[in-house]
């Protein structure tokens, strides 16, 4: 009977592994699966005395297998995996975490996990202050003497919304105009443009307390105001990470 028990243990061990695999590394469930398997082996023998130690051995086996489970298949055991839902075929670090925004800071330490490409970040994965994270040119964002955002501008802000949502990143929004009109009029118009961008960001879930707006008027032209093309470039807004 001892030989029969050993054979059954060999045959049923894969079932324990399978049970553990389907539980996603739940040690309690795996321990139960192992215990039931071990008990079944003992019950098969003529002497029921084997059922108790068989159950204990099976429970130990099930627990041990669960401890080495890898629910997301990233090569890092669940017991050591800090990011247990990594998508398949994703490169991870020793903690089982990837770098979704490819900024060099892995997700388990990245406080700004959706940083736009090309933005320099600090050790927390957030944009270093002083950088422009969005530039809304007037020819696709604002009409002449207008401050309302058109659909193209809203589309361009999508990446900014994704980057800022859920973070404490603070930004300044600057509004600018061309030289058409008086200084007073252009200052008010540029402030209106900055406010329009802020209003859209806030309506999309970005905290208003993290946003400061300022109108720059016509004092910082990007291009010459002598041509229509140049004036269109100067009718703009830009979003800059705040430096404190």
C-alpha atoms as a PDB file:
ATOM      1  CA  UNK A   1       0.000   0.000   0.000  1.00  0.00           C
ATOM      2  CA  UNK A   2       2.911   2.303   0.657  1.00  0.00           C
ATOM      3  CA  UNK A   3       3.984   1.887  -2.971  1.00  0.00           C
ATOM      4  CA  UNK A   4       0.467   2.662  -4.140  1.00  0.00           C
ATOM      5  CA  UNK A   5       0.430   5.797  -2.010  1.00  0.00           C
ATOM      6  CA  UNK A   6       3.716   6.988  -3.461  1.00  0.00           C
ATOM      7  CA  UNK A   7       2.507   6.408  -7.006  1.00  0.00           C
ATOM      8  CA  UNK A   8      -0.666   8.361  -6.328  1.00  0.00           C
ATOM      9  CA  UNK A   9       1.338  11.208  -4.816  1.00  0.00           C
ATOM     10  CA  UNK A  10       3.374  11.461  -7.995  1.00  0.00           C
ATOM     11  CA  UNK A  11       0.259  11.378 -10.161  1.00  0.00           C
ATOM     12  CA  UNK A  12      -1.706  13.895  -8.114  1.00  0.00           C
ATOM     13  CA  UNK A  13       1.082  16.444  -7.546  1.00  0.00           C
ATOM     14  CA  UNK A  14       0.465  18.066 -10.967  1.00  0.00           C
ATOM     15  CA  UNK A  15      -3.167  18.529  -9.950  1.00  0.00           C
ATOM     16  CA  UNK A  16      -2.011  20.508  -6.932  1.00  0.00           C
ATOM     17  CA  UNK A  17       0.136  22.674  -9.206  1.00  0.00           C
ATOM     18  CA  UNK A  18      -2.792  23.211 -11.554  1.00  0.00           C
ATOM     19  CA  UNK A  19      -5.051  24.160  -8.672  1.00  0.00           C
ATOM     20  CA  UNK A  20      -2.509  26.659  -7.438  1.00  0.00           C
ATOM     21  CA  UNK A  21      -2.017  28.163 -10.875  1.00  0.00           C
ATOM     22  CA  UNK A  22      -5.731  28.850 -11.236  1.00  0.00           C
ATOM     23  CA  UNK A  23      -5.933  30.584  -7.856  1.00  0.00           C
ATOM     24  CA  UNK A  24      -3.462  33.278  -8.889  1.00  0.00           C
ATOM     25  CA  UNK A  25      -1.101  32.489  -6.045  1.00  0.00           C
ATOM     26  CA  UNK A  26      -3.662  32.510  -3.187  1.00  0.00           C
ATOM     27  CA  UNK A  27      -1.783  30.597  -0.479  1.00  0.00           C
ATOM     28  CA  UNK A  28      -4.909  29.770   1.552  1.00  0.00           C
ATOM     29  CA  UNK A  29      -6.667  28.177  -1.416  1.00  0.00           C
ATOM     30  CA  UNK A  30      -3.534  26.301  -2.469  1.00  0.00           C
ATOM     31  CA  UNK A  31      -3.008  24.952   1.017  1.00  0.00           C
ATOM     32  CA  UNK A  32      -6.572  23.597   0.987  1.00  0.00           C
ATOM     33  CA  UNK A  33      -6.076  22.076  -2.465  1.00  0.00           C
ATOM     34  CA  UNK A  34      -2.899  20.392  -1.279  1.00  0.00           C
ATOM     35  CA  UNK A  35      -4.555  19.140   1.878  1.00  0.00           C
ATOM     36  CA  UNK A  36      -7.480  17.618  -0.003  1.00  0.00           C
ATOM     37  CA  UNK A  37      -5.105  15.940  -2.430  1.00  0.00           C
ATOM     38  CA  UNK A  38      -2.990  14.508   0.375  1.00  0.00           C
ATOM     39  CA  UNK A  39      -6.073  13.334   2.221  1.00  0.00           C
ATOM     40  CA  UNK A  40      -7.345  11.593  -0.893  1.00  0.00           C
ATOM     41  CA  UNK A  41      -4.075   9.705  -1.178  1.00  0.00           C
ATOM     42  CA  UNK A  42      -4.342   8.571   2.430  1.00  0.00           C
ATOM     43  CA  UNK A  43      -7.951   7.520   2.043  1.00  0.00           C
ATOM     44  CA  UNK A  44      -7.025   5.267  -0.873  1.00  0.00           C
ATOM     45  CA  UNK A  45      -4.792   3.183   1.355  1.00  0.00           C
ATOM     46  CA  UNK A  46      -6.341   0.329   3.370  1.00  0.00           C
ATOM     47  CA  UNK A  47      -5.163   1.911   6.622  1.00  0.00           C
ATOM     48  CA  UNK A  48      -6.833   5.257   7.145  1.00  0.00           C
ATOM     49  CA  UNK A  49      -3.926   6.239   9.373  1.00  0.00           C
ATOM     50  CA  UNK A  50      -2.220   7.600   6.262  1.00  0.00           C
ATOM     51  CA  UNK A  51      -4.982  10.171   5.615  1.00  0.00           C
ATOM     52  CA  UNK A  52      -3.933  12.700   8.286  1.00  0.00           C
ATOM     53  CA  UNK A  53      -0.206  12.854   7.503  1.00  0.00           C
ATOM     54  CA  UNK A  54      -1.074  12.767   3.814  1.00  0.00           C
ATOM     55  CA  UNK A  55      -3.264  15.813   4.212  1.00  0.00           C
ATOM     56  CA  UNK A  56      -0.555  17.635   6.154  1.00  0.00           C
ATOM     57  CA  UNK A  57       2.075  16.829   3.536  1.00  0.00           C
ATOM     58  CA  UNK A  58      -0.273  17.919   0.763  1.00  0.00           C
ATOM     59  CA  UNK A  59      -1.031  21.185   2.525  1.00  0.00           C
ATOM     60  CA  UNK A  60       2.669  21.931   2.897  1.00  0.00           C
ATOM     61  CA  UNK A  61       3.231  21.106  -0.779  1.00  0.00           C
ATOM     62  CA  UNK A  62       0.345  23.324  -1.868  1.00  0.00           C
ATOM     63  CA  UNK A  63       1.543  26.248   0.232  1.00  0.00           C
ATOM     64  CA  UNK A  64       5.089  25.922  -1.094  1.00  0.00           C
ATOM     65  CA  UNK A  65       3.861  25.898  -4.689  1.00  0.00           C
ATOM     66  CA  UNK A  66       1.715  28.955  -4.097  1.00  0.00           C
ATOM     67  CA  UNK A  67       4.628  30.878  -2.680  1.00  0.00           C
ATOM     68  CA  UNK A  68       6.335  30.569  -6.049  1.00  0.00           C
ATOM     69  CA  UNK A  69       3.250  31.527  -8.083  1.00  0.00           C
ATOM     70  CA  UNK A  70       3.535  34.156 -10.822  1.00  0.00           C
ATOM     71  CA  UNK A  71       0.025  35.359 -11.614  1.00  0.00           C
ATOM     72  CA  UNK A  72       1.018  37.876 -14.305  1.00  0.00           C
ATOM     73  CA  UNK A  73       3.735  35.680 -15.844  1.00  0.00           C
ATOM     74  CA  UNK A  74       6.442  38.346 -15.698  1.00  0.00           C
ATOM     75  CA  UNK A  75       9.070  36.049 -14.194  1.00  0.00           C
ATOM     76  CA  UNK A  76       8.901  37.575 -10.707  1.00  0.00           C
ATOM     77  CA  UNK A  77       7.237  35.371  -8.025  1.00  0.00           C
ATOM     78  CA  UNK A  78       4.046  36.828  -6.575  1.00  0.00           C
ATOM     79  CA  UNK A  79       5.638  36.910  -3.127  1.00  0.00           C
ATOM     80  CA  UNK A  80       8.169  39.467  -4.441  1.00  0.00           C
ATOM     81  CA  UNK A  81       6.063  41.171  -7.139  1.00  0.00           C
ATOM     82  CA  UNK A  82       5.113  44.774  -6.326  1.00  0.00           C
ATOM     83  CA  UNK A  83       3.142  45.141  -9.581  1.00  0.00           C
ATOM     84  CA  UNK A  84       1.052  41.981  -9.861  1.00  0.00           C
ATOM     85  CA  UNK A  85      -1.008  42.964 -12.913  1.00  0.00           C
ATOM     86  CA  UNK A  86       1.735  43.670 -15.446  1.00  0.00           C
ATOM     87  CA  UNK A  87       0.507  43.102 -19.053  1.00  0.00           C
ATOM     88  CA  UNK A  88       1.965  40.083 -20.914  1.00  0.00           C
ATOM     89  CA  UNK A  89       5.376  40.394 -22.604  1.00  0.00           C
ATOM     90  CA  UNK A  90       6.260  43.574 -20.709  1.00  0.00           C
ATOM     91  CA  UNK A  91       9.832  44.178 -19.542  1.00  0.00           C
ATOM     92  CA  UNK A  92       9.989  44.483 -15.750  1.00  0.00           C
ATOM     93  CA  UNK A  93      12.558  45.215 -13.048  1.00  0.00           C
ATOM     94  CA  UNK A  94      13.447  42.989 -10.090  1.00  0.00           C
ATOM     95  CA  UNK A  95      10.273  44.136  -8.310  1.00  0.00           C
ATOM     96  CA  UNK A  96       8.079  43.005 -11.197  1.00  0.00           C
ATOM     97  CA  UNK A  97       7.270  46.552 -12.313  1.00  0.00           C
ATOM     98  CA  UNK A  98       7.508  48.091 -15.776  1.00  0.00           C
ATOM     99  CA  UNK A  99       7.977  51.661 -17.011  1.00  0.00           C
ATOM    100  CA  UNK A 100       4.816  52.462 -18.966  1.00  0.00           C
ATOM    101  CA  UNK A 101       5.738  56.034 -19.914  1.00  0.00           C
ATOM    102  CA  UNK A 102       9.391  55.118 -20.606  1.00  0.00           C
ATOM    103  CA  UNK A 103      10.773  58.004 -18.568  1.00  0.00           C
ATOM    104  CA  UNK A 104      13.352  55.835 -16.809  1.00  0.00           C
ATOM    105  CA  UNK A 105      11.410  55.569 -13.536  1.00  0.00           C
ATOM    106  CA  UNK A 106       9.653  52.241 -12.938  1.00  0.00           C
ATOM    107  CA  UNK A 107       5.952  52.258 -12.088  1.00  0.00           C
ATOM    108  CA  UNK A 108       6.337  51.281  -8.429  1.00  0.00           C
ATOM    109  CA  UNK A 109       8.268  54.529  -7.844  1.00  0.00           C
ATOM    110  CA  UNK A 110       6.688  56.719 -10.545  1.00  0.00           C
ATOM    111  CA  UNK A 111       4.355  59.346  -9.083  1.00  0.00           C
ATOM    112  CA  UNK A 112       3.573  60.679 -12.578  1.00  0.00           C
ATOM    113  CA  UNK A 113       3.153  57.486 -14.661  1.00  0.00           C
ATOM    114  CA  UNK A 114       1.852  59.199 -17.831  1.00  0.00           C
ATOM    115  CA  UNK A 115       4.578  61.750 -18.537  1.00  0.00           C
ATOM    116  CA  UNK A 116       4.558  62.800 -22.232  1.00  0.00           C
ATOM    117  CA  UNK A 117       7.494  61.659 -24.398  1.00  0.00           C
ATOM    118  CA  UNK A 118      10.561  63.896 -24.381  1.00  0.00           C
ATOM    119  CA  UNK A 119       9.886  65.454 -20.979  1.00  0.00           C
ATOM    120  CA  UNK A 120      12.755  65.338 -18.482  1.00  0.00           C
ATOM    121  CA  UNK A 121      11.710  63.958 -15.102  1.00  0.00           C
ATOM    122  CA  UNK A 122      12.987  63.892 -11.529  1.00  0.00           C
ATOM    123  CA  UNK A 123      13.570  60.779  -9.409  1.00  0.00           C
ATOM    124  CA  UNK A 124       9.831  60.600  -8.703  1.00  0.00           C
ATOM    125  CA  UNK A 125       9.064  60.388 -12.425  1.00  0.00           C
ATOM    126  CA  UNK A 126       7.483  63.855 -12.585  1.00  0.00           C
ATOM    127  CA  UNK A 127       8.371  66.639 -15.010  1.00  0.00           C
ATOM    128  CA  UNK A 128      11.229  68.887 -13.948  1.00  0.00           C
ATOM    129  CA  UNK A 129      10.034  72.456 -13.475  1.00  0.00           C
ATOM    130  CA  UNK A 130      10.365  75.091 -16.171  1.00  0.00           C
ATOM    131  CA  UNK A 131       9.600  72.771 -19.064  1.00  0.00           C
ATOM    132  CA  UNK A 132       6.889  73.444 -21.608  1.00  0.00           C
ATOM    133  CA  UNK A 133       4.599  70.409 -21.675  1.00  0.00           C
ATOM    134  CA  UNK A 134       2.168  71.837 -24.221  1.00  0.00           C
ATOM    135  CA  UNK A 135       2.207  74.614 -26.794  1.00  0.00           C
ATOM    136  CA  UNK A 136      -1.072  75.601 -28.430  1.00  0.00           C
ATOM    137  CA  UNK A 137      -0.364  77.603 -31.599  1.00  0.00           C
ATOM    138  CA  UNK A 138      -2.935  80.175 -32.557  1.00  0.00           C
ATOM    139  CA  UNK A 139      -3.451  78.906 -36.102  1.00  0.00           C
ATOM    140  CA  UNK A 140      -5.042  75.704 -34.778  1.00  0.00           C
ATOM    141  CA  UNK A 141      -6.203  76.834 -31.327  1.00  0.00           C
ATOM    142  CA  UNK A 142      -7.515  80.401 -31.309  1.00  0.00           C
ATOM    143  CA  UNK A 143      -9.071  82.542 -33.991  1.00  0.00           C
ATOM    144  CA  UNK A 144      -8.104  86.172 -34.447  1.00  0.00           C
ATOM    145  CA  UNK A 145      -9.393  88.177 -31.476  1.00  0.00           C
ATOM    146  CA  UNK A 146     -10.901  84.972 -29.992  1.00  0.00           C
ATOM    147  CA  UNK A 147     -10.184  83.128 -26.762  1.00  0.00           C
ATOM    148  CA  UNK A 148     -12.422  80.081 -26.978  1.00  0.00           C
ATOM    149  CA  UNK A 149     -10.688  76.752 -27.643  1.00  0.00           C
ATOM    150  CA  UNK A 150     -11.554  74.957 -30.854  1.00  0.00           C
ATOM    151  CA  UNK A 151     -11.770  71.171 -31.210  1.00  0.00           C
ATOM    152  CA  UNK A 152      -8.196  70.848 -32.487  1.00  0.00           C
ATOM    153  CA  UNK A 153      -6.891  72.566 -29.374  1.00  0.00           C
ATOM    154  CA  UNK A 154      -8.952  70.302 -27.126  1.00  0.00           C
ATOM    155  CA  UNK A 155      -7.523  67.292 -28.917  1.00  0.00           C
ATOM    156  CA  UNK A 156      -3.993  68.569 -28.356  1.00  0.00           C
ATOM    157  CA  UNK A 157      -4.689  68.878 -24.639  1.00  0.00           C
ATOM    158  CA  UNK A 158      -5.537  65.189 -24.304  1.00  0.00           C
ATOM    159  CA  UNK A 159      -1.946  64.183 -23.607  1.00  0.00           C
ATOM    160  CA  UNK A 160      -1.641  66.964 -21.003  1.00  0.00           C
ATOM    161  CA  UNK A 161      -4.782  65.801 -19.221  1.00  0.00           C
ATOM    162  CA  UNK A 162      -3.479  62.241 -19.119  1.00  0.00           C
ATOM    163  CA  UNK A 163      -0.135  63.424 -17.744  1.00  0.00           C
ATOM    164  CA  UNK A 164      -1.558  65.666 -15.014  1.00  0.00           C
ATOM    165  CA  UNK A 165      -4.539  63.642 -13.826  1.00  0.00           C
ATOM    166  CA  UNK A 166      -3.986  62.047 -10.440  1.00  0.00           C
ATOM    167  CA  UNK A 167      -0.744  63.952  -9.767  1.00  0.00           C
ATOM    168  CA  UNK A 168       0.207  67.008  -7.739  1.00  0.00           C
ATOM    169  CA  UNK A 169       2.083  68.610 -10.627  1.00  0.00           C
ATOM    170  CA  UNK A 170       1.538  72.366 -10.693  1.00  0.00           C
ATOM    171  CA  UNK A 171       1.534  74.269 -13.960  1.00  0.00           C
ATOM    172  CA  UNK A 172       1.416  77.830 -15.251  1.00  0.00           C
ATOM    173  CA  UNK A 173      -0.694  78.564 -18.313  1.00  0.00           C
ATOM    174  CA  UNK A 174       0.421  81.582 -20.325  1.00  0.00           C
ATOM    175  CA  UNK A 175      -1.797  83.301 -22.866  1.00  0.00           C
ATOM    176  CA  UNK A 176      -0.326  85.375 -25.732  1.00  0.00           C
ATOM    177  CA  UNK A 177      -1.603  87.564 -28.578  1.00  0.00           C
ATOM    178  CA  UNK A 178      -0.362  89.192 -31.730  1.00  0.00           C
ATOM    179  CA  UNK A 179       0.115  92.961 -31.969  1.00  0.00           C
ATOM    180  CA  UNK A 180      -3.293  93.719 -33.456  1.00  0.00           C
ATOM    181  CA  UNK A 181      -5.282  95.941 -31.087  1.00  0.00           C
ATOM    182  CA  UNK A 182      -4.331  98.013 -28.053  1.00  0.00           C
ATOM    183  CA  UNK A 183      -2.059  96.824 -25.284  1.00  0.00           C
ATOM    184  CA  UNK A 184      -4.962  96.824 -22.817  1.00  0.00           C
ATOM    185  CA  UNK A 185      -7.172  94.801 -25.134  1.00  0.00           C
ATOM    186  CA  UNK A 186      -4.435  92.271 -25.879  1.00  0.00           C
ATOM    187  CA  UNK A 187      -3.616  91.800 -22.203  1.00  0.00           C
ATOM    188  CA  UNK A 188      -7.248  90.975 -21.445  1.00  0.00           C
ATOM    189  CA  UNK A 189      -7.463  88.705 -24.508  1.00  0.00           C
ATOM    190  CA  UNK A 190      -4.340  86.788 -23.520  1.00  0.00           C
ATOM    191  CA  UNK A 191      -5.699  86.282 -20.000  1.00  0.00           C
ATOM    192  CA  UNK A 192      -8.941  84.999 -21.472  1.00  0.00           C
ATOM    193  CA  UNK A 193      -7.001  82.465 -23.566  1.00  0.00           C
ATOM    194  CA  UNK A 194      -5.114  81.194 -20.530  1.00  0.00           C
ATOM    195  CA  UNK A 195      -8.365  80.939 -18.579  1.00  0.00           C
ATOM    196  CA  UNK A 196     -10.010  78.980 -21.398  1.00  0.00           C
ATOM    197  CA  UNK A 197      -7.256  76.379 -21.284  1.00  0.00           C
ATOM    198  CA  UNK A 198      -7.539  76.111 -17.504  1.00  0.00           C
ATOM    199  CA  UNK A 199     -11.318  75.762 -17.640  1.00  0.00           C
ATOM    200  CA  UNK A 200     -11.014  72.891 -20.090  1.00  0.00           C
ATOM    201  CA  UNK A 201      -8.396  71.111 -17.979  1.00  0.00           C
ATOM    202  CA  UNK A 202     -10.509  71.492 -14.842  1.00  0.00           C
ATOM    203  CA  UNK A 203     -13.601  70.213 -16.660  1.00  0.00           C
ATOM    204  CA  UNK A 204     -11.521  67.164 -17.598  1.00  0.00           C
ATOM    205  CA  UNK A 205     -10.660  66.336 -13.996  1.00  0.00           C
ATOM    206  CA  UNK A 206      -7.490  68.328 -13.304  1.00  0.00           C
ATOM    207  CA  UNK A 207      -7.407  70.135  -9.953  1.00  0.00           C
ATOM    208  CA  UNK A 208      -7.855  73.866 -10.402  1.00  0.00           C
ATOM    209  CA  UNK A 209      -5.671  74.594  -7.376  1.00  0.00           C
ATOM    210  CA  UNK A 210      -2.693  73.201  -9.297  1.00  0.00           C
ATOM    211  CA  UNK A 211      -3.131  75.646 -12.177  1.00  0.00           C
ATOM    212  CA  UNK A 212      -2.119  79.308 -12.378  1.00  0.00           C
ATOM    213  CA  UNK A 213      -3.030  81.463 -15.371  1.00  0.00           C
ATOM    214  CA  UNK A 214      -1.370  84.620 -16.620  1.00  0.00           C
ATOM    215  CA  UNK A 215      -1.933  86.825 -19.640  1.00  0.00           C
ATOM    216  CA  UNK A 216       1.233  88.045 -21.341  1.00  0.00           C
ATOM    217  CA  UNK A 217      -0.441  90.220 -23.965  1.00  0.00           C
ATOM    218  CA  UNK A 218       1.661  90.923 -27.052  1.00  0.00           C
ATOM    219  CA  UNK A 219       4.937  91.407 -25.174  1.00  0.00           C
ATOM    220  CA  UNK A 220       6.516  88.021 -25.940  1.00  0.00           C
ATOM    221  CA  UNK A 221       6.039  87.368 -29.672  1.00  0.00           C
ATOM    222  CA  UNK A 222       7.215  84.046 -31.032  1.00  0.00           C
ATOM    223  CA  UNK A 223       7.361  85.303 -34.622  1.00  0.00           C
ATOM    224  CA  UNK A 224       7.194  88.568 -36.528  1.00  0.00           C
ATOM    225  CA  UNK A 225       3.885  90.403 -36.386  1.00  0.00           C
ATOM    226  CA  UNK A 226       4.526  91.786 -39.877  1.00  0.00           C
ATOM    227  CA  UNK A 227       2.917  88.773 -41.587  1.00  0.00           C
ATOM    228  CA  UNK A 228      -0.346  86.901 -41.095  1.00  0.00           C
ATOM    229  CA  UNK A 229       1.572  83.656 -40.565  1.00  0.00           C
ATOM    230  CA  UNK A 230       3.674  85.295 -37.857  1.00  0.00           C
ATOM    231  CA  UNK A 231       0.649  86.787 -36.130  1.00  0.00           C
ATOM    232  CA  UNK A 232      -1.053  83.387 -36.135  1.00  0.00           C
ATOM    233  CA  UNK A 233       1.962  81.902 -34.327  1.00  0.00           C
ATOM    234  CA  UNK A 234       1.793  84.628 -31.714  1.00  0.00           C
ATOM    235  CA  UNK A 235      -1.867  83.916 -30.881  1.00  0.00           C
ATOM    236  CA  UNK A 236      -1.085  81.031 -28.568  1.00  0.00           C
ATOM    237  CA  UNK A 237      -1.090  79.515 -25.112  1.00  0.00           C
ATOM    238  CA  UNK A 238       1.492  77.322 -23.459  1.00  0.00           C
ATOM    239  CA  UNK A 239       1.580  75.148 -20.361  1.00  0.00           C
ATOM    240  CA  UNK A 240       4.726  75.183 -18.237  1.00  0.00           C
ATOM    241  CA  UNK A 241       5.588  73.101 -15.167  1.00  0.00           C
ATOM    242  CA  UNK A 242       5.725  75.510 -12.228  1.00  0.00           C
ATOM    243  CA  UNK A 243       9.019  76.181 -10.450  1.00  0.00           C
ATOM    244  CA  UNK A 244       8.663  77.107  -6.791  1.00  0.00           C
END
